[in-house]
Amino acid sequence: MKAEELEKKFDAGEEITGQLDLSKARRSKKEQKRVNVDFPLWMIHSLDKEAKRLGVPRQSIIKLWLAERLEKTLS
């Protein structure tokens, strides 16, 4: 199947996952590596408060804020 045909099916809301080889799928530039970071207790409390307010895990807040800062720095 050509890419144009697959795109048309996707845009039309048709199920296309049967046409994909998901065993080789990966998220470019999204590979992860675990790191350990020590934060002062006051930061943990502030992060937890904001995470609770937004209804997301602490890790999501940390990732989002770091990504925003890096985007500003690198652009």
N, C-alpha and C. Protein backbone atom coordinates (compact mmCIF):
# COMPACT_ATOMS: atom_id res chain seq x y z
N MET A 1 0.85 -1.17 0.00
CA MET A 1 0.00 0.00 0.00
C MET A 1 0.90 1.24 0.00
N LYS A 2 0.56 2.18 -0.83
CA LYS A 2 1.33 3.42 -0.90
C LYS A 2 0.96 4.34 0.27
N ALA A 3 1.87 5.23 0.59
CA ALA A 3 1.68 6.14 1.71
C ALA A 3 0.42 6.99 1.55
N GLU A 4 0.17 7.45 0.31
CA GLU A 4 -1.01 8.30 0.08
C GLU A 4 -2.30 7.55 0.41
N GLU A 5 -2.36 6.28 0.04
CA GLU A 5 -3.55 5.48 0.31
C GLU A 5 -3.73 5.26 1.81
N LEU A 6 -2.62 5.00 2.49
CA LEU A 6 -2.68 4.82 3.94
C LEU A 6 -3.13 6.11 4.63
N GLU A 7 -2.61 7.24 4.18
CA GLU A 7 -3.01 8.54 4.74
C GLU A 7 -4.49 8.81 4.53
N LYS A 8 -5.00 8.48 3.35
CA LYS A 8 -6.43 8.69 3.07
C LYS A 8 -7.29 7.85 4.00
N LYS A 9 -6.90 6.59 4.20
CA LYS A 9 -7.65 5.73 5.10
C LYS A 9 -7.62 6.27 6.53
N PHE A 10 -6.44 6.71 6.96
CA PHE A 10 -6.30 7.27 8.30
C PHE A 10 -7.17 8.52 8.46
N ASP A 11 -7.09 9.42 7.48
CA ASP A 11 -7.87 10.65 7.52
C ASP A 11 -9.38 10.38 7.51
N ALA A 12 -9.76 9.28 6.88
CA ALA A 12 -11.19 8.91 6.82
C ALA A 12 -11.65 8.20 8.10
N GLY A 13 -10.71 7.99 9.02
CA GLY A 13 -11.07 7.35 10.29
C GLY A 13 -11.09 5.83 10.23
N GLU A 14 -10.55 5.28 9.16
CA GLU A 14 -10.51 3.82 9.03
C GLU A 14 -9.42 3.23 9.91
N GLU A 15 -9.60 1.98 10.32
CA GLU A 15 -8.61 1.26 11.13
C GLU A 15 -7.43 0.90 10.22
N ILE A 16 -6.23 1.33 10.60
CA ILE A 16 -5.06 1.06 9.76
C ILE A 16 -3.97 0.28 10.48
N THR A 17 -4.15 -0.01 11.76
CA THR A 17 -3.07 -0.66 12.51
C THR A 17 -2.71 -2.02 11.93
N GLY A 18 -3.64 -2.69 11.27
CA GLY A 18 -3.34 -3.97 10.64
C GLY A 18 -2.36 -3.83 9.49
N GLN A 19 -2.21 -2.63 8.98
CA GLN A 19 -1.31 -2.37 7.85
C GLN A 19 0.11 -2.00 8.32
N LEU A 20 0.29 -1.85 9.63
CA LEU A 20 1.57 -1.38 10.15
C LEU A 20 2.36 -2.51 10.80
N ASP A 21 3.68 -2.46 10.69
CA ASP A 21 4.57 -3.38 11.38
C ASP A 21 5.00 -2.70 12.68
N LEU A 22 4.23 -2.91 13.74
CA LEU A 22 4.48 -2.22 15.00
C LEU A 22 5.68 -2.79 15.76
N SER A 23 6.19 -3.95 15.33
CA SER A 23 7.34 -4.54 16.02
C SER A 23 8.60 -3.69 15.84
N LYS A 24 8.61 -2.86 14.81
CA LYS A 24 9.78 -2.01 14.55
C LYS A 24 9.50 -0.54 14.82
N ALA A 25 8.36 -0.26 15.39
CA ALA A 25 7.99 1.14 15.64
C ALA A 25 8.82 1.71 16.78
N ARG A 26 9.20 2.96 16.63
CA ARG A 26 9.87 3.68 17.72
C ARG A 26 9.56 5.16 17.60
N ARG A 27 9.73 5.84 18.68
CA ARG A 27 9.46 7.26 18.71
C ARG A 27 10.78 8.00 18.55
N SER A 28 10.98 8.60 17.39
CA SER A 28 12.24 9.28 17.15
C SER A 28 12.43 10.41 18.14
N LYS A 29 13.63 10.54 18.59
CA LYS A 29 14.01 11.56 19.58
C LYS A 29 13.23 11.44 20.87
N LYS A 30 12.61 10.29 21.11
CA LYS A 30 11.84 10.10 22.33
C LYS A 30 12.40 8.95 23.17
N GLU A 31 13.57 8.43 22.77
CA GLU A 31 14.16 7.37 23.56
C GLU A 31 14.46 7.92 24.95
N GLN A 32 14.28 7.07 25.94
CA GLN A 32 14.42 7.55 27.31
C GLN A 32 15.60 6.90 28.01
N LYS A 33 16.12 7.60 28.98
CA LYS A 33 17.17 7.10 29.85
C LYS A 33 16.83 7.57 31.26
N ARG A 34 16.86 6.67 32.18
CA ARG A 34 16.54 6.99 33.57
C ARG A 34 17.71 7.72 34.21
N VAL A 35 17.41 8.80 34.92
CA VAL A 35 18.41 9.54 35.69
C VAL A 35 17.86 9.76 37.10
N ASN A 36 18.75 9.89 38.03
CA ASN A 36 18.36 10.19 39.41
C ASN A 36 18.76 11.62 39.73
N VAL A 37 17.86 12.36 40.30
CA VAL A 37 18.11 13.75 40.67
C VAL A 37 17.64 13.95 42.10
N ASP A 38 18.47 14.56 42.90
CA ASP A 38 18.09 14.87 44.28
C ASP A 38 17.58 16.30 44.34
N PHE A 39 16.38 16.48 44.91
CA PHE A 39 15.78 17.80 45.06
C PHE A 39 15.65 18.13 46.54
N PRO A 40 15.79 19.41 46.89
CA PRO A 40 15.50 19.80 48.27
C PRO A 40 14.02 19.51 48.58
N LEU A 41 13.75 19.25 49.84
CA LEU A 41 12.40 18.89 50.26
C LEU A 41 11.37 19.96 49.89
N TRP A 42 11.73 21.23 49.98
CA TRP A 42 10.77 22.28 49.65
C TRP A 42 10.36 22.21 48.18
N MET A 43 11.29 21.80 47.30
CA MET A 43 10.95 21.67 45.89
C MET A 43 9.99 20.50 45.68
N ILE A 44 10.23 19.41 46.36
CA ILE A 44 9.35 18.25 46.25
C ILE A 44 7.93 18.63 46.66
N HIS A 45 7.81 19.36 47.77
CA HIS A 45 6.48 19.78 48.24
C HIS A 45 5.81 20.69 47.21
N SER A 46 6.58 21.61 46.63
CA SER A 46 6.02 22.52 45.62
C SER A 46 5.62 21.76 44.36
N LEU A 47 6.47 20.84 43.94
CA LEU A 47 6.15 20.04 42.76
C LEU A 47 4.90 19.20 42.99
N ASP A 48 4.81 18.59 44.17
CA ASP A 48 3.64 17.77 44.49
C ASP A 48 2.36 18.59 44.54
N LYS A 49 2.46 19.80 45.06
CA LYS A 49 1.29 20.68 45.14
C LYS A 49 0.80 21.03 43.73
N GLU A 50 1.74 21.38 42.85
CA GLU A 50 1.37 21.74 41.47
C GLU A 50 0.86 20.52 40.71
N ALA A 51 1.49 19.38 40.91
CA ALA A 51 1.05 18.15 40.25
C ALA A 51 -0.37 17.79 40.69
N LYS A 52 -0.66 17.93 41.96
CA LYS A 52 -2.00 17.63 42.46
C LYS A 52 -3.01 18.60 41.87
N ARG A 53 -2.64 19.87 41.79
CA ARG A 53 -3.54 20.88 41.24
C ARG A 53 -3.90 20.56 39.79
N LEU A 54 -2.91 20.08 39.02
CA LEU A 54 -3.13 19.77 37.62
C LEU A 54 -3.63 18.35 37.39
N GLY A 55 -3.56 17.53 38.44
CA GLY A 55 -4.02 16.14 38.32
C GLY A 55 -3.09 15.26 37.51
N VAL A 56 -1.80 15.52 37.63
CA VAL A 56 -0.79 14.72 36.92
C VAL A 56 0.29 14.27 37.90
N PRO A 57 1.09 13.27 37.53
CA PRO A 57 2.18 12.84 38.41
C PRO A 57 3.29 13.89 38.49
N ARG A 58 4.03 13.85 39.56
CA ARG A 58 5.16 14.77 39.77
C ARG A 58 6.12 14.71 38.58
N GLN A 59 6.41 13.52 38.10
CA GLN A 59 7.35 13.36 37.01
C GLN A 59 6.91 14.13 35.76
N SER A 60 5.62 14.20 35.52
CA SER A 60 5.12 14.94 34.36
C SER A 60 5.42 16.42 34.47
N ILE A 61 5.26 16.97 35.66
CA ILE A 61 5.57 18.40 35.88
C ILE A 61 7.06 18.65 35.63
N ILE A 62 7.89 17.79 36.17
CA ILE A 62 9.34 17.97 36.01
C ILE A 62 9.71 17.91 34.53
N LYS A 63 9.21 16.91 33.81
CA LYS A 63 9.53 16.78 32.39
C LYS A 63 9.04 17.98 31.59
N LEU A 64 7.82 18.41 31.86
CA LEU A 64 7.25 19.54 31.13
C LEU A 64 8.07 20.80 31.36
N TRP A 65 8.37 21.11 32.61
CA TRP A 65 9.10 22.33 32.91
C TRP A 65 10.52 22.29 32.35
N LEU A 66 11.17 21.14 32.42
CA LEU A 66 12.50 21.03 31.84
C LEU A 66 12.45 21.20 30.32
N ALA A 67 11.47 20.58 29.69
CA ALA A 67 11.34 20.70 28.24
C ALA A 67 11.10 22.14 27.82
N GLU A 68 10.21 22.84 28.55
CA GLU A 68 9.95 24.25 28.23
C GLU A 68 11.22 25.08 28.35
N ARG A 69 11.97 24.86 29.40
CA ARG A 69 13.20 25.62 29.62
C ARG A 69 14.23 25.33 28.54
N LEU A 70 14.37 24.05 28.18
CA LEU A 70 15.33 23.68 27.15
C LEU A 70 14.94 24.25 25.79
N GLU A 71 13.66 24.27 25.47
CA GLU A 71 13.20 24.85 24.21
C GLU A 71 13.55 26.32 24.14
N LYS A 72 13.35 27.04 25.25
CA LYS A 72 13.70 28.47 25.28
C LYS A 72 15.20 28.66 25.12
N THR A 73 15.97 27.84 25.79
CA THR A 73 17.42 27.96 25.77
C THR A 73 18.00 27.62 24.41
N LEU A 74 17.43 26.60 23.76
CA LEU A 74 17.99 26.13 22.50
C LEU A 74 17.47 26.87 21.28
N SER A 75 16.47 27.71 21.46
CA SER A 75 15.94 28.42 20.28
C SER A 75 16.46 29.82 20.18
